[in-house]
Amino acid sequence: VLEARQAMLLQRVSQGADAMSAREALEIATRGGAEVLGRSDCGQIAVGKRADIAIWDARGLESAGSWDPAALVLAGPRRVRDLFVEGRQVVRDSQLTSMELPGIVAQQNRLARALAEG
């Protein structure tokens, strides 16, 4: 989504505010990205396609005033609510389901301290 936002904003800076809509940017990031990579097996939600699906809760303040669901590109929430990768749910209610996050954080903190001391 970040790359789509950047592309859209660059188009708007160079060619005016109406140069690219949020919906067009989202399509470029999904279907367009798959097409550029020569991947006919992904890029859209359809039977027989590979899919990673991210779901955000757009009821918060950061999304207030967004009338178009594609506006997620501009003013969406930063934290994903639910995430499915290859049909397997890896985030549920903003929590990892496949890893022990406290253990990962503790390990990363130990590694960072060792790197800083070493």
PDB file of N, CA and C in Angstrom:
ATOM      1  N   VAL A   1       0.833  -1.190   0.000  1.00  0.00           N
ATOM      2  CA  VAL A   1       0.000   0.000   0.000  1.00  0.00           C
ATOM      3  C   VAL A   1       0.877   1.252   0.000  1.00  0.00           C
ATOM      4  N   LEU A   2       2.003   1.190   0.707  1.00  0.00           N
ATOM      5  CA  LEU A   2       2.893   2.350   0.770  1.00  0.00           C
ATOM      6  C   LEU A   2       3.391   2.738  -0.610  1.00  0.00           C
ATOM      7  N   GLU A   3       3.784   1.774  -1.425  1.00  0.00           N
ATOM      8  CA  GLU A   3       4.275   2.070  -2.763  1.00  0.00           C
ATOM      9  C   GLU A   3       3.176   2.668  -3.634  1.00  0.00           C
ATOM     10  N   ALA A   4       1.960   2.176  -3.485  1.00  0.00           N
ATOM     11  CA  ALA A   4       0.833   2.717  -4.252  1.00  0.00           C
ATOM     12  C   ALA A   4       0.594   4.169  -3.866  1.00  0.00           C
ATOM     13  N   ARG A   5       0.694   4.463  -2.575  1.00  0.00           N
ATOM     14  CA  ARG A   5       0.504   5.838  -2.105  1.00  0.00           C
ATOM     15  C   ARG A   5       1.578   6.749  -2.697  1.00  0.00           C
ATOM     16  N   GLN A   6       2.826   6.285  -2.677  1.00  0.00           N
ATOM     17  CA  GLN A   6       3.918   7.089  -3.214  1.00  0.00           C
ATOM     18  C   GLN A   6       3.728   7.343  -4.707  1.00  0.00           C
ATOM     19  N   ALA A   7       3.339   6.310  -5.453  1.00  0.00           N
ATOM     20  CA  ALA A   7       3.119   6.468  -6.891  1.00  0.00           C
ATOM     21  C   ALA A   7       2.004   7.469  -7.156  1.00  0.00           C
ATOM     22  N   MET A   8       0.926   7.368  -6.407  1.00  0.00           N
ATOM     23  CA  MET A   8      -0.194   8.265  -6.596  1.00  0.00           C
ATOM     24  C   MET A   8       0.207   9.715  -6.280  1.00  0.00           C
ATOM     25  N   LEU A   9       0.919   9.904  -5.167  1.00  0.00           N
ATOM     26  CA  LEU A   9       1.320  11.255  -4.792  1.00  0.00           C
ATOM     27  C   LEU A   9       2.289  11.856  -5.799  1.00  0.00           C
ATOM     28  N   LEU A  10       3.206  11.049  -6.320  1.00  0.00           N
ATOM     29  CA  LEU A  10       4.127  11.553  -7.345  1.00  0.00           C
ATOM     30  C   LEU A  10       3.377  11.961  -8.608  1.00  0.00           C
ATOM     31  N   GLN A  11       2.393  11.172  -9.003  1.00  0.00           N
ATOM     32  CA  GLN A  11       1.581  11.522 -10.176  1.00  0.00           C
ATOM     33  C   GLN A  11       0.852  12.838  -9.938  1.00  0.00           C
ATOM     34  N   ARG A  12       0.321  13.004  -8.750  1.00  0.00           N
ATOM     35  CA  ARG A  12      -0.428  14.221  -8.435  1.00  0.00           C
ATOM     36  C   ARG A  12       0.484  15.450  -8.395  1.00  0.00           C
ATOM     37  N   VAL A  13       1.710  15.285  -7.898  1.00  0.00           N
ATOM     38  CA  VAL A  13       2.649  16.409  -7.864  1.00  0.00           C
ATOM     39  C   VAL A  13       3.029  16.817  -9.278  1.00  0.00           C
ATOM     40  N   SER A  14       3.298  15.843 -10.124  1.00  0.00           N
ATOM     41  CA  SER A  14       3.774  16.172 -11.468  1.00  0.00           C
ATOM     42  C   SER A  14       2.661  16.533 -12.444  1.00  0.00           C
ATOM     43  N   GLN A  15       1.436  15.989 -12.233  1.00  0.00           N
ATOM     44  CA  GLN A  15       0.394  16.184 -13.236  1.00  0.00           C
ATOM     45  C   GLN A  15      -0.913  16.747 -12.689  1.00  0.00           C
ATOM     46  N   GLY A  16      -0.939  17.137 -11.432  1.00  0.00           N
ATOM     47  CA  GLY A  16      -2.138  17.741 -10.871  1.00  0.00           C
ATOM     48  C   GLY A  16      -2.895  16.808  -9.948  1.00  0.00           C
ATOM     49  N   ALA A  17      -3.764  17.385  -9.134  1.00  0.00           N
ATOM     50  CA  ALA A  17      -4.471  16.658  -8.081  1.00  0.00           C
ATOM     51  C   ALA A  17      -5.378  15.551  -8.592  1.00  0.00           C
ATOM     52  N   ASP A  18      -5.839  15.639  -9.826  1.00  0.00           N
ATOM     53  CA  ASP A  18      -6.737  14.616 -10.366  1.00  0.00           C
ATOM     54  C   ASP A  18      -6.007  13.567 -11.192  1.00  0.00           C
ATOM     55  N   ALA A  19      -4.679  13.557 -11.165  1.00  0.00           N
ATOM     56  CA  ALA A  19      -3.901  12.671 -12.033  1.00  0.00           C
ATOM     57  C   ALA A  19      -4.152  11.197 -11.757  1.00  0.00           C
ATOM     58  N   MET A  20      -4.317  10.801 -10.483  1.00  0.00           N
ATOM     59  CA  MET A  20      -4.525   9.395 -10.154  1.00  0.00           C
ATOM     60  C   MET A  20      -5.370   9.301  -8.897  1.00  0.00           C
ATOM     61  N   SER A  21      -6.404   8.481  -8.949  1.00  0.00           N
ATOM     62  CA  SER A  21      -7.259   8.293  -7.780  1.00  0.00           C
ATOM     63  C   SER A  21      -6.682   7.208  -6.880  1.00  0.00           C
ATOM     64  N   ALA A  22      -7.178   7.152  -5.649  1.00  0.00           N
ATOM     65  CA  ALA A  22      -6.763   6.108  -4.718  1.00  0.00           C
ATOM     66  C   ALA A  22      -7.130   4.735  -5.269  1.00  0.00           C
ATOM     67  N   ARG A  23      -8.268   4.626  -5.914  1.00  0.00           N
ATOM     68  CA  ARG A  23      -8.694   3.349  -6.488  1.00  0.00           C
ATOM     69  C   ARG A  23      -7.741   2.902  -7.599  1.00  0.00           C
ATOM     70  N   GLU A  24      -7.317   3.845  -8.444  1.00  0.00           N
ATOM     71  CA  GLU A  24      -6.354   3.509  -9.502  1.00  0.00           C
ATOM     72  C   GLU A  24      -5.017   3.064  -8.910  1.00  0.00           C
ATOM     73  N   ALA A  25      -4.565   3.742  -7.861  1.00  0.00           N
ATOM     74  CA  ALA A  25      -3.308   3.369  -7.207  1.00  0.00           C
ATOM     75  C   ALA A  25      -3.396   1.968  -6.617  1.00  0.00           C
ATOM     76  N   LEU A  26      -4.528   1.642  -6.009  1.00  0.00           N
ATOM     77  CA  LEU A  26      -4.722   0.319  -5.432  1.00  0.00           C
ATOM     78  C   LEU A  26      -4.728  -0.749  -6.519  1.00  0.00           C
ATOM     79  N   GLU A  27      -5.353  -0.462  -7.643  1.00  0.00           N
ATOM     80  CA  GLU A  27      -5.366  -1.424  -8.750  1.00  0.00           C
ATOM     81  C   GLU A  27      -3.967  -1.635  -9.315  1.00  0.00           C
ATOM     82  N   ILE A  28      -3.203  -0.565  -9.428  1.00  0.00           N
ATOM     83  CA  ILE A  28      -1.825  -0.690  -9.910  1.00  0.00           C
ATOM     84  C   ILE A  28      -1.007  -1.560  -8.956  1.00  0.00           C
ATOM     85  N   ALA A  29      -1.233  -1.381  -7.655  1.00  0.00           N
ATOM     86  CA  ALA A  29      -0.473  -2.134  -6.657  1.00  0.00           C
ATOM     87  C   ALA A  29      -0.844  -3.612  -6.633  1.00  0.00           C
ATOM     88  N   THR A  30      -2.053  -3.961  -7.033  1.00  0.00           N
ATOM     89  CA  THR A  30      -2.490  -5.355  -6.960  1.00  0.00           C
ATOM     90  C   THR A  30      -2.445  -6.018  -8.338  1.00  0.00           C
ATOM     91  N   ARG A  31      -3.414  -5.752  -9.163  1.00  0.00           N
ATOM     92  CA  ARG A  31      -3.443  -6.356 -10.497  1.00  0.00           C
ATOM     93  C   ARG A  31      -2.253  -5.933 -11.345  1.00  0.00           C
ATOM     94  N   GLY A  32      -1.911  -4.650 -11.272  1.00  0.00           N
ATOM     95  CA  GLY A  32      -0.790  -4.148 -12.060  1.00  0.00           C
ATOM     96  C   GLY A  32       0.525  -4.781 -11.643  1.00  0.00           C
ATOM     97  N   GLY A  33       0.710  -4.924 -10.331  1.00  0.00           N
ATOM     98  CA  GLY A  33       1.936  -5.553  -9.843  1.00  0.00           C
ATOM     99  C   GLY A  33       2.060  -6.991 -10.305  1.00  0.00           C
ATOM    100  N   ALA A  34       0.969  -7.731 -10.250  1.00  0.00           N
ATOM    101  CA  ALA A  34       0.983  -9.121 -10.706  1.00  0.00           C
ATOM    102  C   ALA A  34       1.263  -9.195 -12.207  1.00  0.00           C
ATOM    103  N   GLU A  35       0.661  -8.287 -12.955  1.00  0.00           N
ATOM    104  CA  GLU A  35       0.862  -8.273 -14.404  1.00  0.00           C
ATOM    105  C   GLU A  35       2.314  -7.982 -14.772  1.00  0.00           C
ATOM    106  N   VAL A  36       2.906  -6.994 -14.109  1.00  0.00           N
ATOM    107  CA  VAL A  36       4.304  -6.639 -14.374  1.00  0.00           C
ATOM    108  C   VAL A  36       5.220  -7.824 -14.085  1.00  0.00           C
ATOM    109  N   LEU A  37       4.893  -8.590 -13.055  1.00  0.00           N
ATOM    110  CA  LEU A  37       5.696  -9.755 -12.700  1.00  0.00           C
ATOM    111  C   LEU A  37       5.374 -10.983 -13.549  1.00  0.00           C
ATOM    112  N   GLY A  38       4.403 -10.851 -14.460  1.00  0.00           N
ATOM    113  CA  GLY A  38       4.004 -11.984 -15.287  1.00  0.00           C
ATOM    114  C   GLY A  38       3.294 -13.060 -14.497  1.00  0.00           C
ATOM    115  N   ARG A  39       2.597 -12.667 -13.441  1.00  0.00           N
ATOM    116  CA  ARG A  39       1.928 -13.618 -12.553  1.00  0.00           C
ATOM    117  C   ARG A  39       0.429 -13.593 -12.789  1.00  0.00           C
ATOM    118  N   SER A  40      -0.074 -14.575 -13.494  1.00  0.00           N
ATOM    119  CA  SER A  40      -1.513 -14.668 -13.722  1.00  0.00           C
ATOM    120  C   SER A  40      -2.214 -15.376 -12.568  1.00  0.00           C
ATOM    121  N   ASP A  41      -1.434 -15.896 -11.610  1.00  0.00           N
ATOM    122  CA  ASP A  41      -2.001 -16.643 -10.490  1.00  0.00           C
ATOM    123  C   ASP A  41      -2.312 -15.768  -9.272  1.00  0.00           C
ATOM    124  N   CYS A  42      -2.089 -14.462  -9.377  1.00  0.00           N
ATOM    125  CA  CYS A  42      -2.356 -13.588  -8.239  1.00  0.00           C
ATOM    126  C   CYS A  42      -2.720 -12.188  -8.737  1.00  0.00           C
ATOM    127  N   GLY A  43      -2.942 -11.264  -7.812  1.00  0.00           N
ATOM    128  CA  GLY A  43      -3.257  -9.893  -8.178  1.00  0.00           C
ATOM    129  C   GLY A  43      -4.716  -9.520  -8.026  1.00  0.00           C
ATOM    130  N   GLN A  44      -5.551 -10.495  -7.738  1.00  0.00           N
ATOM    131  CA  GLN A  44      -6.964 -10.235  -7.526  1.00  0.00           C
ATOM    132  C   GLN A  44      -7.561 -11.363  -6.694  1.00  0.00           C
ATOM    133  N   ILE A  45      -8.670 -11.061  -6.056  1.00  0.00           N
ATOM    134  CA  ILE A  45      -9.354 -12.082  -5.269  1.00  0.00           C
ATOM    135  C   ILE A  45     -10.321 -12.795  -6.204  1.00  0.00           C
ATOM    136  N   ALA A  46      -9.987 -14.040  -6.527  1.00  0.00           N
ATOM    137  CA  ALA A  46     -10.809 -14.834  -7.438  1.00  0.00           C
ATOM    138  C   ALA A  46     -10.510 -16.313  -7.208  1.00  0.00           C
ATOM    139  N   VAL A  47     -11.460 -17.157  -7.543  1.00  0.00           N
ATOM    140  CA  VAL A  47     -11.293 -18.596  -7.409  1.00  0.00           C
ATOM    141  C   VAL A  47     -10.076 -19.028  -8.215  1.00  0.00           C
ATOM    142  N   GLY A  48      -9.230 -19.835  -7.591  1.00  0.00           N
ATOM    143  CA  GLY A  48      -8.055 -20.361  -8.262  1.00  0.00           C
ATOM    144  C   GLY A  48      -6.829 -19.459  -8.218  1.00  0.00           C
ATOM    145  N   LYS A  49      -6.962 -18.276  -7.640  1.00  0.00           N
ATOM    146  CA  LYS A  49      -5.837 -17.345  -7.531  1.00  0.00           C
ATOM    147  C   LYS A  49      -5.189 -17.477  -6.155  1.00  0.00           C
ATOM    148  N   ARG A  50      -3.884 -17.267  -6.108  1.00  0.00           N
ATOM    149  CA  ARG A  50      -3.181 -17.213  -4.826  1.00  0.00           C
ATOM    150  C   ARG A  50      -3.530 -15.878  -4.198  1.00  0.00           C
ATOM    151  N   ALA A  51      -3.656 -15.853  -2.888  1.00  0.00           N
ATOM    152  CA  ALA A  51      -4.069 -14.588  -2.277  1.00  0.00           C
ATOM    153  C   ALA A  51      -3.516 -14.430  -0.875  1.00  0.00           C
ATOM    154  N   ASP A  52      -2.994 -13.257  -0.622  1.00  0.00           N
ATOM    155  CA  ASP A  52      -2.720 -12.790   0.726  1.00  0.00           C
ATOM    156  C   ASP A  52      -3.724 -11.669   0.939  1.00  0.00           C
ATOM    157  N   ILE A  53      -4.458 -11.728   2.019  1.00  0.00           N
ATOM    158  CA  ILE A  53      -5.505 -10.734   2.246  1.00  0.00           C
ATOM    159  C   ILE A  53      -5.275 -10.067   3.597  1.00  0.00           C
ATOM    160  N   ALA A  54      -5.215  -8.739   3.579  1.00  0.00           N
ATOM    161  CA  ALA A  54      -5.075  -7.950   4.796  1.00  0.00           C
ATOM    162  C   ALA A  54      -6.375  -7.204   5.034  1.00  0.00           C
ATOM    163  N   ILE A  55      -6.824  -7.206   6.284  1.00  0.00           N
ATOM    164  CA  ILE A  55      -8.065  -6.527   6.653  1.00  0.00           C
ATOM    165  C   ILE A  55      -7.727  -5.527   7.753  1.00  0.00           C
ATOM    166  N   TRP A  56      -8.096  -4.281   7.517  1.00  0.00           N
ATOM    167  CA  TRP A  56      -7.877  -3.223   8.497  1.00  0.00           C
ATOM    168  C   TRP A  56      -9.219  -2.801   9.081  1.00  0.00           C
ATOM    169  N   ASP A  57      -9.207  -2.382  10.318  1.00  0.00           N
ATOM    170  CA  ASP A  57     -10.392  -1.823  10.949  1.00  0.00           C
ATOM    171  C   ASP A  57     -10.402  -0.335  10.620  1.00  0.00           C
ATOM    172  N   ALA A  58     -11.300   0.075   9.747  1.00  0.00           N
ATOM    173  CA  ALA A  58     -11.334   1.454   9.254  1.00  0.00           C
ATOM    174  C   ALA A  58     -12.333   2.318  10.026  1.00  0.00           C
ATOM    175  N   ARG A  59     -12.675   1.900  11.260  1.00  0.00           N
ATOM    176  CA  ARG A  59     -13.626   2.676  12.051  1.00  0.00           C
ATOM    177  C   ARG A  59     -12.951   3.709  12.940  1.00  0.00           C
ATOM    178  N   GLY A  60     -11.619   3.766  12.947  1.00  0.00           N
ATOM    179  CA  GLY A  60     -10.905   4.664  13.842  1.00  0.00           C
ATOM    180  C   GLY A  60     -10.754   6.076  13.294  1.00  0.00           C
ATOM    181  N   LEU A  61     -10.189   6.933  14.102  1.00  0.00           N
ATOM    182  CA  LEU A  61     -10.006   8.334  13.765  1.00  0.00           C
ATOM    183  C   LEU A  61      -9.185   8.531  12.500  1.00  0.00           C
ATOM    184  N   GLU A  62      -8.140   7.707  12.313  1.00  0.00           N
ATOM    185  CA  GLU A  62      -7.283   7.881  11.149  1.00  0.00           C
ATOM    186  C   GLU A  62      -8.005   7.668   9.826  1.00  0.00           C
ATOM    187  N   SER A  63      -9.143   7.005   9.847  1.00  0.00           N
ATOM    188  CA  SER A  63      -9.911   6.768   8.628  1.00  0.00           C
ATOM    189  C   SER A  63     -11.159   7.647   8.534  1.00  0.00           C
ATOM    190  N   ALA A  64     -11.387   8.473   9.519  1.00  0.00           N
ATOM    191  CA  ALA A  64     -12.594   9.314   9.527  1.00  0.00           C
ATOM    192  C   ALA A  64     -12.616  10.201   8.290  1.00  0.00           C
ATOM    193  N   GLY A  65     -13.741  10.245   7.648  1.00  0.00           N
ATOM    194  CA  GLY A  65     -13.913  11.088   6.472  1.00  0.00           C
ATOM    195  C   GLY A  65     -13.585  10.398   5.162  1.00  0.00           C
ATOM    196  N   SER A  66     -13.112   9.166   5.218  1.00  0.00           N
ATOM    197  CA  SER A  66     -12.804   8.431   3.992  1.00  0.00           C
ATOM    198  C   SER A  66     -14.087   7.814   3.457  1.00  0.00           C
ATOM    199  N   TRP A  67     -14.561   8.304   2.343  1.00  0.00           N
ATOM    200  CA  TRP A  67     -15.817   7.807   1.786  1.00  0.00           C
ATOM    201  C   TRP A  67     -15.599   6.662   0.809  1.00  0.00           C
ATOM    202  N   ASP A  68     -14.380   6.490   0.325  1.00  0.00           N
ATOM    203  CA  ASP A  68     -14.069   5.460  -0.660  1.00  0.00           C
ATOM    204  C   ASP A  68     -13.187   4.410   0.004  1.00  0.00           C
ATOM    205  N   PRO A  69     -13.578   3.127  -0.010  1.00  0.00           N
ATOM    206  CA  PRO A  69     -12.736   2.101   0.619  1.00  0.00           C
ATOM    207  C   PRO A  69     -11.309   2.094   0.084  1.00  0.00           C
ATOM    208  N   ALA A  70     -11.103   2.504  -1.157  1.00  0.00           N
ATOM    209  CA  ALA A  70      -9.758   2.546  -1.718  1.00  0.00           C
ATOM    210  C   ALA A  70      -8.915   3.644  -1.083  1.00  0.00           C
ATOM    211  N   ALA A  71      -9.542   4.534  -0.326  1.00  0.00           N
ATOM    212  CA  ALA A  71      -8.803   5.614   0.332  1.00  0.00           C
ATOM    213  C   ALA A  71      -7.876   5.070   1.410  1.00  0.00           C
ATOM    214  N   LEU A  72      -7.926   3.777   1.663  1.00  0.00           N
ATOM    215  CA  LEU A  72      -6.973   3.136   2.557  1.00  0.00           C
ATOM    216  C   LEU A  72      -5.551   3.503   2.135  1.00  0.00           C
ATOM    217  N   VAL A  73      -5.366   3.736   0.852  1.00  0.00           N
ATOM    218  CA  VAL A  73      -4.063   4.132   0.323  1.00  0.00           C
ATOM    219  C   VAL A  73      -3.616   5.457   0.930  1.00  0.00           C
ATOM    220  N   LEU A  74      -4.552   6.342   1.222  1.00  0.00           N
ATOM    221  CA  LEU A  74      -4.216   7.668   1.739  1.00  0.00           C
ATOM    222  C   LEU A  74      -4.299   7.787   3.247  1.00  0.00           C
ATOM    223  N   ALA A  75      -5.359   7.266   3.851  1.00  0.00           N
ATOM    224  CA  ALA A  75      -5.608   7.563   5.262  1.00  0.00           C
ATOM    225  C   ALA A  75      -5.993   6.330   6.047  1.00  0.00           C
ATOM    226  N   GLY A  76      -5.403   5.216   5.718  1.00  0.00           N
ATOM    227  CA  GLY A  76      -5.804   3.998   6.391  1.00  0.00           C
ATOM    228  C   GLY A  76      -5.114   3.795   7.720  1.00  0.00           C
ATOM    229  N   PRO A  77      -5.661   2.913   8.517  1.00  0.00           N
ATOM    230  CA  PRO A  77      -5.022   2.551   9.772  1.00  0.00           C
ATOM    231  C   PRO A  77      -3.679   1.875   9.483  1.00  0.00           C
ATOM    232  N   ARG A  78      -2.762   1.996  10.380  1.00  0.00           N
ATOM    233  CA  ARG A  78      -1.414   1.444  10.181  1.00  0.00           C
ATOM    234  C   ARG A  78      -1.324  -0.019  10.600  1.00  0.00           C
ATOM    235  N   ARG A  79      -2.128  -0.431  11.550  1.00  0.00           N
ATOM    236  CA  ARG A  79      -2.025  -1.790  12.091  1.00  0.00           C
ATOM    237  C   ARG A  79      -3.093  -2.681  11.465  1.00  0.00           C
ATOM    238  N   VAL A  80      -2.669  -3.798  10.894  1.00  0.00           N
ATOM    239  CA  VAL A  80      -3.600  -4.731  10.273  1.00  0.00           C
ATOM    240  C   VAL A  80      -4.399  -5.447  11.363  1.00  0.00           C
ATOM    241  N   ARG A  81      -5.690  -5.657  11.102  1.00  0.00           N
ATOM    242  CA  ARG A  81      -6.532  -6.366  12.068  1.00  0.00           C
ATOM    243  C   ARG A  81      -6.433  -7.865  11.865  1.00  0.00           C
ATOM    244  N   ASP A  82      -6.590  -8.311  10.621  1.00  0.00           N
ATOM    245  CA  ASP A  82      -6.513  -9.734  10.286  1.00  0.00           C
ATOM    246  C   ASP A  82      -5.692  -9.878   9.012  1.00  0.00           C
ATOM    247  N   LEU A  83      -4.852 -10.921   8.952  1.00  0.00           N
ATOM    248  CA  LEU A  83      -4.009 -11.147   7.786  1.00  0.00           C
ATOM    249  C   LEU A  83      -4.001 -12.625   7.457  1.00  0.00           C
ATOM    250  N   PHE A  84      -4.284 -12.921   6.196  1.00  0.00           N
ATOM    251  CA  PHE A  84      -4.269 -14.288   5.698  1.00  0.00           C
ATOM    252  C   PHE A  84      -3.179 -14.383   4.636  1.00  0.00           C
ATOM    253  N   VAL A  85      -2.317 -15.370   4.773  1.00  0.00           N
ATOM    254  CA  VAL A  85      -1.249 -15.602   3.808  1.00  0.00           C
ATOM    255  C   VAL A  85      -1.423 -17.014   3.277  1.00  0.00           C
ATOM    256  N   GLU A  86      -1.647 -17.101   1.960  1.00  0.00           N
ATOM    257  CA  GLU A  86      -1.882 -18.411   1.339  1.00  0.00           C
ATOM    258  C   GLU A  86      -3.021 -19.160   2.029  1.00  0.00           C
ATOM    259  N   GLY A  87      -4.043 -18.429   2.457  1.00  0.00           N
ATOM    260  CA  GLY A  87      -5.205 -19.031   3.074  1.00  0.00           C
ATOM    261  C   GLY A  87      -5.061 -19.333   4.560  1.00  0.00           C
ATOM    262  N   ARG A  88      -3.891 -19.079   5.126  1.00  0.00           N
ATOM    263  CA  ARG A  88      -3.639 -19.357   6.545  1.00  0.00           C
ATOM    264  C   ARG A  88      -3.648 -18.043   7.318  1.00  0.00           C
ATOM    265  N   GLN A  89      -4.433 -17.972   8.386  1.00  0.00           N
ATOM    266  CA  GLN A  89      -4.509 -16.738   9.166  1.00  0.00           C
ATOM    267  C   GLN A  89      -3.273 -16.616  10.045  1.00  0.00           C
ATOM    268  N   VAL A  90      -2.508 -15.532   9.843  1.00  0.00           N
ATOM    269  CA  VAL A  90      -1.293 -15.306  10.620  1.00  0.00           C
ATOM    270  C   VAL A  90      -1.444 -14.142  11.599  1.00  0.00           C
ATOM    271  N   VAL A  91      -2.477 -13.306  11.413  1.00  0.00           N
ATOM    272  CA  VAL A  91      -2.800 -12.247  12.364  1.00  0.00           C
ATOM    273  C   VAL A  91      -4.303 -12.292  12.606  1.00  0.00           C
ATOM    274  N   ARG A  92      -4.688 -12.309  13.882  1.00  0.00           N
ATOM    275  CA  ARG A  92      -6.106 -12.290  14.258  1.00  0.00           C
ATOM    276  C   ARG A  92      -6.271 -11.212  15.320  1.00  0.00           C
ATOM    277  N   ASP A  93      -7.186 -10.292  15.099  1.00  0.00           N
ATOM    278  CA  ASP A  93      -7.421  -9.198  16.048  1.00  0.00           C
ATOM    279  C   ASP A  93      -6.115  -8.480  16.413  1.00  0.00           C
ATOM    280  N   SER A  94      -5.299  -8.198  15.394  1.00  0.00           N
ATOM    281  CA  SER A  94      -4.019  -7.475  15.512  1.00  0.00           C
ATOM    282  C   SER A  94      -2.951  -8.228  16.298  1.00  0.00           C
ATOM    283  N   GLN A  95      -3.119  -9.531  16.489  1.00  0.00           N
ATOM    284  CA  GLN A  95      -2.134 -10.346  17.204  1.00  0.00           C
ATOM    285  C   GLN A  95      -1.643 -11.471  16.303  1.00  0.00           C
ATOM    286  N   LEU A  96      -0.320 -11.705  16.311  1.00  0.00           N
ATOM    287  CA  LEU A  96       0.231 -12.822  15.553  1.00  0.00           C
ATOM    288  C   LEU A  96      -0.344 -14.128  16.071  1.00  0.00           C
ATOM    289  N   THR A  97      -0.707 -15.024  15.162  1.00  0.00           N
ATOM    290  CA  THR A  97      -1.227 -16.321  15.586  1.00  0.00           C
ATOM    291  C   THR A  97      -0.184 -17.418  15.450  1.00  0.00           C
ATOM    292  N   SER A  98       0.851 -17.163  14.669  1.00  0.00           N
ATOM    293  CA  SER A  98       1.806 -18.214  14.354  1.00  0.00           C
ATOM    294  C   SER A  98       3.121 -18.122  15.125  1.00  0.00           C
ATOM    295  N   MET A  99       3.293 -17.089  15.948  1.00  0.00           N
ATOM    296  CA  MET A  99       4.543 -16.904  16.683  1.00  0.00           C
ATOM    297  C   MET A  99       4.255 -16.370  18.078  1.00  0.00           C
ATOM    298  N   GLU A 100       5.167 -16.620  18.978  1.00  0.00           N
ATOM    299  CA  GLU A 100       5.081 -16.084  20.328  1.00  0.00           C
ATOM    300  C   GLU A 100       5.775 -14.727  20.354  1.00  0.00           C
ATOM    301  N   LEU A 101       5.012 -13.662  20.205  1.00  0.00           N
ATOM    302  CA  LEU A 101       5.575 -12.322  20.097  1.00  0.00           C
ATOM    303  C   LEU A 101       6.429 -11.916  21.307  1.00  0.00           C
ATOM    304  N   PRO A 102       6.015 -12.160  22.539  1.00  0.00           N
ATOM    305  CA  PRO A 102       6.869 -11.759  23.672  1.00  0.00           C
ATOM    306  C   PRO A 102       8.258 -12.402  23.612  1.00  0.00           C
ATOM    307  N   GLY A 103       8.322 -13.655  23.224  1.00  0.00           N
ATOM    308  CA  GLY A 103       9.613 -14.338  23.097  1.00  0.00           C
ATOM    309  C   GLY A 103      10.466 -13.748  21.992  1.00  0.00           C
ATOM    310  N   ILE A 104       9.847 -13.391  20.882  1.00  0.00           N
ATOM    311  CA  ILE A 104      10.565 -12.783  19.765  1.00  0.00           C
ATOM    312  C   ILE A 104      11.115 -11.415  20.164  1.00  0.00           C
ATOM    313  N   VAL A 105      10.298 -10.618  20.847  1.00  0.00           N
ATOM    314  CA  VAL A 105      10.740  -9.293  21.302  1.00  0.00           C
ATOM    315  C   VAL A 105      11.902  -9.434  22.278  1.00  0.00           C
ATOM    316  N   ALA A 106      11.801 -10.363  23.225  1.00  0.00           N
ATOM    317  CA  ALA A 106      12.875 -10.573  24.200  1.00  0.00           C
ATOM    318  C   ALA A 106      14.164 -10.992  23.500  1.00  0.00           C
ATOM    319  N   GLN A 107      14.058 -11.896  22.534  1.00  0.00           N
ATOM    320  CA  GLN A 107      15.243 -12.338  21.796  1.00  0.00           C
ATOM    321  C   GLN A 107      15.868 -11.182  21.020  1.00  0.00           C
ATOM    322  N   GLN A 108      15.057 -10.369  20.363  1.00  0.00           N
ATOM    323  CA  GLN A 108      15.582  -9.238  19.609  1.00  0.00           C
ATOM    324  C   GLN A 108      16.239  -8.214  20.529  1.00  0.00           C
ATOM    325  N   ASN A 109      15.665  -8.002  21.708  1.00  0.00           N
ATOM    326  CA  ASN A 109      16.277  -7.089  22.683  1.00  0.00           C
ATOM    327  C   ASN A 109      17.632  -7.612  23.151  1.00  0.00           C
ATOM    328  N   ARG A 110      17.736  -8.928  23.399  1.00  0.00           N
ATOM    329  CA  ARG A 110      19.020  -9.519  23.791  1.00  0.00           C
ATOM    330  C   ARG A 110      20.054  -9.348  22.679  1.00  0.00           C
ATOM    331  N   LEU A 111      19.649  -9.618  21.444  1.00  0.00           N
ATOM    332  CA  LEU A 111      20.567  -9.479  20.309  1.00  0.00           C
ATOM    333  C   LEU A 111      21.013  -8.033  20.118  1.00  0.00           C
ATOM    334  N   ALA A 112      20.089  -7.091  20.294  1.00  0.00           N
ATOM    335  CA  ALA A 112      20.432  -5.677  20.143  1.00  0.00           C
ATOM    336  C   ALA A 112      21.414  -5.254  21.227  1.00  0.00           C
ATOM    337  N   ARG A 113      21.200  -5.714  22.460  1.00  0.00           N
ATOM    338  CA  ARG A 113      22.142  -5.377  23.552  1.00  0.00           C
ATOM    339  C   ARG A 113      23.525  -5.959  23.274  1.00  0.00           C
ATOM    340  N   ALA A 114      23.555  -7.203  22.823  1.00  0.00           N
ATOM    341  CA  ALA A 114      24.832  -7.851  22.504  1.00  0.00           C
ATOM    342  C   ALA A 114      25.548  -7.107  21.381  1.00  0.00           C
ATOM    343  N   LEU A 115      24.826  -6.666  20.398  1.00  0.00           N
ATOM    344  CA  LEU A 115      25.410  -5.909  19.300  1.00  0.00           C
ATOM    345  C   LEU A 115      25.948  -4.558  19.789  1.00  0.00           C
ATOM    346  N   ALA A 116      25.213  -3.908  20.657  1.00  0.00           N
ATOM    347  CA  ALA A 116      25.634  -2.598  21.175  1.00  0.00           C
ATOM    348  C   ALA A 116      26.868  -2.742  22.090  1.00  0.00           C
ATOM    349  N   GLU A 117      26.949  -3.843  22.821  1.00  0.00           N
ATOM    350  CA  GLU A 117      28.054  -4.050  23.752  1.00  0.00           C
ATOM    351  C   GLU A 117      29.294  -4.597  23.062  1.00  0.00           C
ATOM    352  N   GLY A 118      29.084  -5.226  21.935  1.00  0.00           N
ATOM    353  CA  GLY A 118      30.133  -5.998  21.359  1.00  0.00           C
ATOM    354  C   GLY A 118      31.038  -5.515  20.375  1.00  0.00           C
TER     355      GLY A 118
END
